[in-house]
Amino acid sequence: MRYARHVLLPEIGSAGQARLEAATVGLALEGRAREVARDYLHRAGVEVDGADAVAPAPPVAAGRPELDEAAAFVAGALHAVETIKALVEAGEPHGGQKVVLTGPREDDA
């Protein structure tokens, strides 16, 4: 078990942690949003497919250049949280987001 702290959360538990560790997902994000989502998912124990499994989303723009970095960070964090929720079957998805599972991990095959 990779993260004992997840098991303590009733929304995740040992079954949810096993699903996180077994999952490989693709990200439909670019740039900083993709980096943030990848980092958050990795910290949760989720493998992120290195190839773009789905068509990339348009770059995140806040309409004000000085806010673009923050908007990309928030978009990446939200994507990661929604992916984790879908994998552990907790809560309702935000904005109809779909998780793209790209297959088993290579080390599990």
Protein backbone atom coordinates (compact mmCIF):
# COMPACT_ATOMS: atom_id res chain seq x y z
CA MET A 1 0.00 0.00 0.00
CA ARG A 2 1.51 3.29 -1.08
CA TYR A 3 -0.34 5.87 1.01
CA ALA A 4 -1.73 4.81 4.37
CA ARG A 5 -3.29 8.25 4.86
CA HIS A 6 -5.76 7.56 2.01
CA VAL A 7 -7.03 4.46 3.78
CA LEU A 8 -8.01 6.60 6.76
CA LEU A 9 -10.40 8.62 4.60
CA PRO A 10 -13.80 6.88 4.44
CA GLU A 11 -14.28 8.18 0.87
CA ILE A 12 -11.20 6.27 -0.27
CA GLY A 13 -10.41 3.36 2.05
CA SER A 14 -8.30 0.38 1.03
CA ALA A 15 -10.45 -0.44 -2.03
CA GLY A 16 -10.18 3.12 -3.31
CA GLN A 17 -6.43 3.16 -2.73
CA ALA A 18 -6.12 -0.07 -4.71
CA ARG A 19 -8.08 1.54 -7.59
CA LEU A 20 -5.80 4.60 -7.50
CA GLU A 21 -2.67 2.45 -7.58
CA ALA A 22 -4.02 0.29 -10.43
CA ALA A 23 -5.17 3.17 -12.64
CA THR A 24 -3.39 4.64 -15.62
CA VAL A 25 -5.05 7.76 -17.01
CA GLY A 26 -4.58 10.12 -19.92
CA LEU A 27 -4.74 13.90 -19.54
CA ALA A 28 -6.53 16.25 -21.92
CA LEU A 29 -4.58 19.28 -20.73
CA GLU A 30 -1.66 21.35 -21.94
CA GLY A 31 1.16 23.31 -20.36
CA ARG A 32 1.05 24.25 -16.70
CA ALA A 33 -2.41 22.74 -16.18
CA ARG A 34 -1.09 19.36 -17.37
CA GLU A 35 1.97 19.64 -15.11
CA VAL A 36 -0.16 20.40 -12.05
CA ALA A 37 -2.65 17.59 -12.76
CA ARG A 38 0.17 15.10 -13.40
CA ASP A 39 1.88 16.09 -10.12
CA TYR A 40 -1.31 15.81 -8.04
CA LEU A 41 -2.25 12.47 -9.60
CA HIS A 42 1.26 11.10 -9.07
CA ARG A 43 1.11 12.11 -5.41
CA ALA A 44 -2.19 10.22 -5.10
CA GLY A 45 -0.60 7.09 -6.59
CA VAL A 46 -2.18 7.34 -10.06
CA GLU A 47 -0.07 6.62 -13.14
CA VAL A 48 -0.38 9.19 -15.94
CA ASP A 49 0.10 7.95 -19.49
CA GLY A 50 3.03 9.76 -21.09
CA ALA A 51 1.32 9.88 -24.47
CA ASP A 52 -1.67 12.09 -25.14
CA ALA A 53 -4.48 9.56 -24.95
CA VAL A 54 -7.07 12.14 -25.88
CA ALA A 55 -7.10 15.32 -27.91
CA PRO A 56 -5.53 18.11 -25.86
CA ALA A 57 -7.74 20.81 -24.46
CA PRO A 58 -7.18 24.40 -25.53
CA PRO A 59 -4.72 26.33 -23.36
CA VAL A 60 -6.22 27.84 -20.22
CA ALA A 61 -6.61 31.61 -20.43
CA ALA A 62 -8.15 33.83 -17.80
CA GLY A 63 -8.69 36.76 -20.16
CA ARG A 64 -5.99 38.69 -18.31
CA PRO A 65 -2.42 37.57 -19.05
CA GLU A 66 -1.30 38.13 -15.45
CA LEU A 67 -3.87 35.54 -14.29
CA ASP A 68 -3.17 32.85 -16.89
CA GLU A 69 -0.66 30.99 -14.68
CA ALA A 70 -3.11 30.91 -11.76
CA ALA A 71 -5.96 29.83 -14.03
CA ALA A 72 -3.85 26.98 -15.43
CA PHE A 73 -2.90 25.89 -11.91
CA VAL A 74 -6.55 25.81 -10.81
CA ALA A 75 -7.60 23.95 -13.98
CA GLY A 76 -4.93 21.30 -13.41
CA ALA A 77 -5.78 20.88 -9.73
CA LEU A 78 -9.51 20.59 -10.48
CA HIS A 79 -8.86 18.03 -13.20
CA ALA A 80 -6.75 15.94 -10.81
CA VAL A 81 -9.36 16.08 -8.05
CA GLU A 82 -12.16 15.11 -10.43
CA THR A 83 -10.08 12.24 -11.80
CA ILE A 84 -9.41 10.94 -8.30
CA LYS A 85 -13.10 11.27 -7.38
CA ALA A 86 -14.07 9.26 -10.46
CA LEU A 87 -11.51 6.55 -9.75
CA VAL A 88 -12.65 6.06 -6.16
CA GLU A 89 -16.30 6.60 -7.08
CA ALA A 90 -16.77 9.49 -4.65
CA GLY A 91 -19.00 12.49 -5.21
CA GLU A 92 -20.48 13.91 -8.37
CA PRO A 93 -18.28 14.89 -11.33
CA HIS A 94 -17.83 18.61 -11.94
CA GLY A 95 -18.74 19.84 -15.40
CA GLY A 96 -19.23 16.41 -16.93
CA GLN A 97 -15.54 15.52 -16.82
CA LYS A 98 -14.73 12.03 -18.03
CA VAL A 99 -11.72 10.03 -16.88
CA VAL A 100 -9.73 8.42 -19.68
CA LEU A 101 -8.27 5.12 -18.50
CA THR A 102 -5.49 4.14 -20.85
CA GLY A 103 -4.87 0.60 -19.63
CA PRO A 104 -2.97 -1.32 -16.98
CA ARG A 105 0.41 -0.16 -15.80
CA GLU A 106 3.36 -1.77 -17.52
CA ASP A 107 4.70 -3.08 -14.20
CA ASP A 108 1.34 -4.79 -13.51
CA ALA A 109 1.25 -6.67 -16.82
